[in-house]
N, C-alpha and C. Protein backbone atom coordinates (compact mmCIF):
# COMPACT_ATOMS: atom_id res chain seq x y z
N MET A 1 26.47 -24.64 -63.38
CA MET A 1 26.76 -24.71 -61.98
C MET A 1 27.28 -26.10 -61.69
N SER A 2 28.31 -26.19 -60.89
CA SER A 2 28.84 -27.49 -60.51
C SER A 2 29.34 -27.43 -59.10
N GLY A 3 29.57 -28.59 -58.54
CA GLY A 3 30.06 -28.66 -57.17
C GLY A 3 28.93 -28.47 -56.18
N ALA A 4 29.17 -28.89 -54.96
CA ALA A 4 28.14 -28.80 -53.92
C ALA A 4 27.96 -27.35 -53.50
N GLY A 5 26.88 -26.75 -53.96
CA GLY A 5 26.57 -25.37 -53.57
C GLY A 5 27.53 -24.35 -54.11
N GLY A 6 28.18 -24.66 -55.22
CA GLY A 6 29.14 -23.72 -55.76
C GLY A 6 28.90 -23.40 -57.22
N PHE A 7 29.81 -22.63 -57.78
CA PHE A 7 29.75 -22.23 -59.18
C PHE A 7 31.09 -22.58 -59.80
N ASN A 8 31.06 -23.41 -60.84
CA ASN A 8 32.29 -23.85 -61.50
C ASN A 8 33.34 -24.35 -60.51
N GLY A 9 32.89 -25.15 -59.55
CA GLY A 9 33.81 -25.74 -58.58
C GLY A 9 34.23 -24.83 -57.45
N VAL A 10 33.67 -23.63 -57.38
CA VAL A 10 34.01 -22.68 -56.32
C VAL A 10 32.92 -22.74 -55.26
N SER A 11 33.31 -22.87 -54.01
CA SER A 11 32.32 -23.02 -52.94
C SER A 11 31.69 -21.68 -52.58
N ARG A 12 30.56 -21.77 -51.87
CA ARG A 12 29.85 -20.57 -51.43
C ARG A 12 30.73 -19.71 -50.54
N GLU A 13 31.60 -20.35 -49.76
CA GLU A 13 32.49 -19.60 -48.87
C GLU A 13 33.40 -18.67 -49.67
N ASP A 14 33.74 -19.09 -50.89
CA ASP A 14 34.60 -18.25 -51.72
C ASP A 14 33.90 -16.99 -52.20
N PHE A 15 32.57 -16.96 -52.07
CA PHE A 15 31.79 -15.79 -52.45
C PHE A 15 31.44 -14.95 -51.23
N GLY A 16 32.14 -15.13 -50.15
CA GLY A 16 31.89 -14.34 -48.95
C GLY A 16 30.53 -14.61 -48.34
N GLY A 17 30.02 -15.82 -48.50
CA GLY A 17 28.73 -16.18 -47.94
C GLY A 17 27.55 -15.84 -48.83
N LEU A 18 27.80 -15.23 -49.98
CA LEU A 18 26.72 -14.92 -50.92
C LEU A 18 26.27 -16.20 -51.61
N PRO A 19 25.02 -16.25 -52.05
CA PRO A 19 24.55 -17.44 -52.76
C PRO A 19 25.41 -17.72 -54.00
N ALA A 20 25.70 -18.98 -54.24
CA ALA A 20 26.57 -19.37 -55.35
C ALA A 20 26.01 -18.95 -56.70
N VAL A 21 24.70 -18.81 -56.81
CA VAL A 21 24.09 -18.40 -58.07
C VAL A 21 24.59 -17.01 -58.49
N LEU A 22 25.14 -16.26 -57.55
CA LEU A 22 25.66 -14.93 -57.84
C LEU A 22 27.11 -14.95 -58.32
N GLY A 23 27.69 -16.13 -58.44
CA GLY A 23 29.08 -16.24 -58.90
C GLY A 23 29.38 -15.46 -60.16
N PRO A 24 28.58 -15.63 -61.22
CA PRO A 24 28.87 -14.86 -62.44
C PRO A 24 28.72 -13.35 -62.24
N VAL A 25 27.81 -12.94 -61.38
CA VAL A 25 27.60 -11.52 -61.11
C VAL A 25 28.81 -10.96 -60.36
N ILE A 26 29.34 -11.74 -59.44
CA ILE A 26 30.53 -11.33 -58.69
C ILE A 26 31.72 -11.15 -59.63
N LEU A 27 31.82 -12.04 -60.62
CA LEU A 27 32.93 -11.93 -61.57
C LEU A 27 32.85 -10.64 -62.38
N VAL A 28 31.65 -10.16 -62.64
CA VAL A 28 31.46 -8.94 -63.43
C VAL A 28 31.59 -7.68 -62.57
N HIS A 29 30.91 -7.67 -61.42
CA HIS A 29 30.79 -6.44 -60.63
C HIS A 29 31.68 -6.39 -59.39
N GLY A 30 32.23 -7.52 -59.00
CA GLY A 30 33.06 -7.57 -57.80
C GLY A 30 32.23 -7.95 -56.58
N GLN A 31 32.89 -8.62 -55.66
CA GLN A 31 32.21 -9.13 -54.48
C GLN A 31 31.65 -8.03 -53.60
N GLY A 32 32.37 -6.93 -53.44
CA GLY A 32 31.92 -5.84 -52.58
C GLY A 32 30.62 -5.22 -53.06
N MET A 33 30.55 -4.92 -54.36
CA MET A 33 29.34 -4.31 -54.89
C MET A 33 28.17 -5.29 -54.82
N VAL A 34 28.41 -6.53 -55.19
CA VAL A 34 27.33 -7.52 -55.16
C VAL A 34 26.83 -7.71 -53.72
N ALA A 35 27.74 -7.76 -52.77
CA ALA A 35 27.35 -7.92 -51.37
C ALA A 35 26.49 -6.74 -50.91
N LEU A 36 26.87 -5.54 -51.30
CA LEU A 36 26.10 -4.35 -50.90
C LEU A 36 24.72 -4.36 -51.54
N VAL A 37 24.65 -4.60 -52.84
CA VAL A 37 23.37 -4.55 -53.55
C VAL A 37 22.46 -5.69 -53.09
N TYR A 38 23.02 -6.89 -52.94
CA TYR A 38 22.24 -8.03 -52.46
C TYR A 38 21.76 -7.77 -51.02
N GLY A 39 22.65 -7.27 -50.18
CA GLY A 39 22.28 -6.96 -48.80
C GLY A 39 21.21 -5.88 -48.72
N ALA A 40 21.30 -4.89 -49.58
CA ALA A 40 20.28 -3.83 -49.61
C ALA A 40 18.92 -4.41 -49.99
N GLY A 41 18.92 -5.33 -50.93
CA GLY A 41 17.67 -5.98 -51.32
C GLY A 41 17.08 -6.80 -50.20
N MET A 42 17.93 -7.52 -49.50
CA MET A 42 17.46 -8.32 -48.36
C MET A 42 16.95 -7.41 -47.25
N ALA A 43 17.66 -6.31 -47.00
CA ALA A 43 17.23 -5.37 -45.96
C ALA A 43 15.90 -4.72 -46.33
N ALA A 44 15.72 -4.40 -47.61
CA ALA A 44 14.45 -3.80 -48.05
C ALA A 44 13.29 -4.77 -47.85
N GLU A 45 13.54 -6.04 -48.13
CA GLU A 45 12.48 -7.05 -47.94
C GLU A 45 12.16 -7.21 -46.45
N ALA A 46 13.19 -7.23 -45.62
CA ALA A 46 12.97 -7.33 -44.17
C ALA A 46 12.20 -6.11 -43.66
N ALA A 47 12.55 -4.94 -44.17
CA ALA A 47 11.85 -3.71 -43.77
C ALA A 47 10.39 -3.76 -44.20
N ARG A 48 10.14 -4.29 -45.39
CA ARG A 48 8.76 -4.41 -45.88
C ARG A 48 7.93 -5.29 -44.94
N VAL A 49 8.52 -6.40 -44.49
CA VAL A 49 7.82 -7.29 -43.57
C VAL A 49 7.60 -6.61 -42.22
N LEU A 50 8.63 -5.96 -41.70
CA LEU A 50 8.52 -5.30 -40.41
C LEU A 50 7.54 -4.12 -40.45
N ALA A 51 7.43 -3.48 -41.61
CA ALA A 51 6.52 -2.35 -41.73
C ALA A 51 5.06 -2.77 -41.56
N GLN A 52 4.79 -4.05 -41.69
CA GLN A 52 3.43 -4.55 -41.52
C GLN A 52 3.02 -4.62 -40.05
N VAL A 53 4.02 -4.55 -39.16
CA VAL A 53 3.74 -4.56 -37.72
C VAL A 53 3.30 -3.15 -37.34
N ARG A 54 2.13 -3.04 -36.80
CA ARG A 54 1.58 -1.73 -36.45
C ARG A 54 1.93 -1.40 -35.00
N ASP A 55 3.15 -0.91 -34.83
CA ASP A 55 3.63 -0.57 -33.50
C ASP A 55 4.56 0.64 -33.65
N ALA A 56 4.35 1.65 -32.84
CA ALA A 56 5.12 2.89 -32.95
C ALA A 56 6.61 2.66 -32.69
N LYS A 57 6.94 1.81 -31.72
CA LYS A 57 8.35 1.54 -31.42
C LYS A 57 9.02 0.82 -32.58
N VAL A 58 8.32 -0.13 -33.18
CA VAL A 58 8.87 -0.86 -34.33
C VAL A 58 9.07 0.10 -35.50
N ALA A 59 8.09 0.96 -35.75
CA ALA A 59 8.19 1.92 -36.84
C ALA A 59 9.37 2.86 -36.63
N HIS A 60 9.56 3.33 -35.40
CA HIS A 60 10.67 4.23 -35.11
C HIS A 60 12.01 3.50 -35.31
N ALA A 61 12.12 2.30 -34.77
CA ALA A 61 13.35 1.52 -34.90
C ALA A 61 13.66 1.23 -36.36
N LEU A 62 12.63 0.93 -37.12
CA LEU A 62 12.80 0.66 -38.55
C LEU A 62 13.30 1.92 -39.27
N GLY A 63 12.78 3.06 -38.92
CA GLY A 63 13.23 4.32 -39.51
C GLY A 63 14.69 4.60 -39.19
N VAL A 64 15.08 4.35 -37.94
CA VAL A 64 16.48 4.55 -37.54
C VAL A 64 17.39 3.61 -38.32
N LEU A 65 17.02 2.34 -38.39
CA LEU A 65 17.84 1.36 -39.12
C LEU A 65 17.97 1.75 -40.59
N ALA A 66 16.85 2.13 -41.20
CA ALA A 66 16.88 2.51 -42.62
C ALA A 66 17.78 3.72 -42.84
N GLY A 67 17.69 4.71 -41.96
CA GLY A 67 18.51 5.91 -42.09
C GLY A 67 19.99 5.60 -41.97
N VAL A 68 20.36 4.80 -40.99
CA VAL A 68 21.76 4.45 -40.79
C VAL A 68 22.27 3.63 -41.96
N PHE A 69 21.46 2.66 -42.42
CA PHE A 69 21.88 1.83 -43.55
C PHE A 69 22.08 2.69 -44.79
N ASN A 70 21.14 3.58 -45.06
CA ASN A 70 21.25 4.43 -46.24
C ASN A 70 22.48 5.34 -46.18
N GLN A 71 22.71 5.92 -45.03
CA GLN A 71 23.86 6.81 -44.87
C GLN A 71 25.17 6.04 -45.04
N THR A 72 25.26 4.89 -44.40
CA THR A 72 26.49 4.09 -44.47
C THR A 72 26.74 3.56 -45.88
N SER A 73 25.69 3.02 -46.51
CA SER A 73 25.87 2.47 -47.85
C SER A 73 26.17 3.57 -48.88
N SER A 74 25.56 4.75 -48.71
CA SER A 74 25.85 5.86 -49.62
C SER A 74 27.30 6.30 -49.49
N GLN A 75 27.78 6.34 -48.26
CA GLN A 75 29.17 6.73 -48.01
C GLN A 75 30.13 5.70 -48.63
N LEU A 76 29.82 4.42 -48.49
CA LEU A 76 30.65 3.37 -49.07
C LEU A 76 30.68 3.50 -50.59
N CYS A 77 29.52 3.72 -51.18
CA CYS A 77 29.46 3.86 -52.64
C CYS A 77 30.31 5.02 -53.13
N ARG A 78 30.25 6.14 -52.43
CA ARG A 78 31.09 7.29 -52.80
C ARG A 78 32.57 6.94 -52.68
N MET A 79 32.94 6.28 -51.60
CA MET A 79 34.34 5.91 -51.38
C MET A 79 34.84 4.95 -52.46
N MET A 80 33.98 4.06 -52.90
CA MET A 80 34.36 3.06 -53.90
C MET A 80 34.24 3.60 -55.32
N GLY A 81 33.61 4.76 -55.48
CA GLY A 81 33.44 5.33 -56.81
C GLY A 81 32.32 4.67 -57.61
N TRP A 82 31.37 4.05 -56.92
CA TRP A 82 30.26 3.37 -57.59
C TRP A 82 29.16 4.37 -57.88
N THR A 83 28.75 4.42 -59.13
CA THR A 83 27.67 5.31 -59.53
C THR A 83 26.33 4.61 -59.40
N GLU A 84 25.25 5.39 -59.46
CA GLU A 84 23.91 4.81 -59.41
C GLU A 84 23.70 3.87 -60.59
N GLU A 85 24.25 4.23 -61.74
CA GLU A 85 24.12 3.37 -62.92
C GLU A 85 24.81 2.02 -62.70
N MET A 86 26.01 2.05 -62.12
CA MET A 86 26.73 0.81 -61.85
C MET A 86 25.94 -0.07 -60.89
N LEU A 87 25.38 0.54 -59.85
CA LEU A 87 24.61 -0.21 -58.87
C LEU A 87 23.33 -0.78 -59.49
N ALA A 88 22.70 -0.01 -60.37
CA ALA A 88 21.48 -0.48 -61.04
C ALA A 88 21.79 -1.67 -61.95
N LEU A 89 22.91 -1.63 -62.65
CA LEU A 89 23.29 -2.76 -63.50
C LEU A 89 23.58 -4.00 -62.66
N CYS A 90 24.24 -3.81 -61.54
CA CYS A 90 24.51 -4.92 -60.63
C CYS A 90 23.20 -5.52 -60.12
N ASN A 91 22.28 -4.65 -59.72
CA ASN A 91 20.98 -5.12 -59.24
C ASN A 91 20.25 -5.91 -60.32
N ARG A 92 20.28 -5.40 -61.54
CA ARG A 92 19.65 -6.10 -62.66
C ARG A 92 20.26 -7.49 -62.85
N ASP A 93 21.59 -7.57 -62.78
CA ASP A 93 22.27 -8.84 -62.97
C ASP A 93 21.97 -9.82 -61.84
N ILE A 94 21.82 -9.31 -60.63
CA ILE A 94 21.43 -10.16 -59.51
C ILE A 94 20.04 -10.73 -59.74
N GLU A 95 19.11 -9.87 -60.15
CA GLU A 95 17.74 -10.34 -60.41
C GLU A 95 17.73 -11.37 -61.54
N LEU A 96 18.52 -11.14 -62.58
CA LEU A 96 18.59 -12.09 -63.70
C LEU A 96 19.21 -13.42 -63.26
N ALA A 97 20.21 -13.35 -62.38
CA ALA A 97 20.84 -14.58 -61.89
C ALA A 97 19.83 -15.43 -61.14
N PHE A 98 19.06 -14.80 -60.27
CA PHE A 98 18.05 -15.55 -59.52
C PHE A 98 16.93 -16.03 -60.43
N ALA A 99 16.55 -15.23 -61.41
CA ALA A 99 15.51 -15.65 -62.36
C ALA A 99 16.00 -16.86 -63.16
N GLY A 100 17.26 -16.85 -63.55
CA GLY A 100 17.84 -17.98 -64.27
C GLY A 100 17.88 -19.23 -63.43
N ALA A 101 18.19 -19.08 -62.13
CA ALA A 101 18.23 -20.23 -61.23
C ALA A 101 16.84 -20.83 -61.07
N VAL A 102 15.83 -19.97 -61.00
CA VAL A 102 14.45 -20.46 -60.89
C VAL A 102 14.06 -21.17 -62.17
N ALA A 103 14.42 -20.61 -63.33
CA ALA A 103 14.10 -21.23 -64.61
C ALA A 103 14.77 -22.59 -64.72
N GLN A 104 16.02 -22.70 -64.28
CA GLN A 104 16.72 -23.98 -64.33
C GLN A 104 16.09 -24.98 -63.38
N ALA A 105 15.63 -24.52 -62.24
CA ALA A 105 15.05 -25.41 -61.24
C ALA A 105 13.69 -25.94 -61.67
N THR A 106 12.99 -25.21 -62.51
CA THR A 106 11.66 -25.64 -62.92
C THR A 106 11.68 -26.46 -64.20
N GLY A 107 12.86 -26.68 -64.76
CA GLY A 107 12.97 -27.54 -65.92
C GLY A 107 13.06 -26.79 -67.23
N PRO A 108 13.27 -27.55 -68.31
CA PRO A 108 13.42 -26.93 -69.62
C PRO A 108 12.12 -26.33 -70.12
N LYS A 109 12.27 -25.28 -70.89
CA LYS A 109 11.10 -24.61 -71.46
C LYS A 109 11.39 -24.29 -72.92
N ILE A 110 10.35 -24.16 -73.69
CA ILE A 110 10.47 -23.72 -75.07
C ILE A 110 10.22 -22.22 -75.07
N VAL A 111 11.17 -21.48 -75.62
CA VAL A 111 11.05 -20.03 -75.68
C VAL A 111 10.83 -19.65 -77.14
N LEU A 112 9.75 -18.96 -77.41
CA LEU A 112 9.44 -18.53 -78.76
C LEU A 112 9.88 -17.10 -78.95
N ALA A 113 10.62 -16.88 -80.01
CA ALA A 113 11.04 -15.52 -80.33
C ALA A 113 9.91 -14.82 -81.05
N SER A 114 9.71 -13.53 -80.73
CA SER A 114 8.63 -12.81 -81.42
C SER A 114 9.19 -11.78 -82.35
């Protein structure tokens, strides 16, 4: 990683506002797919937090939002020709990118092969 908040000299703005750590994932899967999968993960985490609020109106609103998001994202995936397998691989690569960033941030480690 190089540059202020970028990847190989490319700024975060060049990734459509996605975290720069996702630069290599974008190169493999494309910005649209990465944005959708990353956004779905963020939305799922937000829904998890909101689900802890014990209020009928919040629960109903959360259900509506989840339904609309699922319908819209499913339609986009069909239009783009993205399969569940492709999305799963993208999700895996996003998780690995963030795991690698955490590993780099915590310093060098010795990895033993088994």
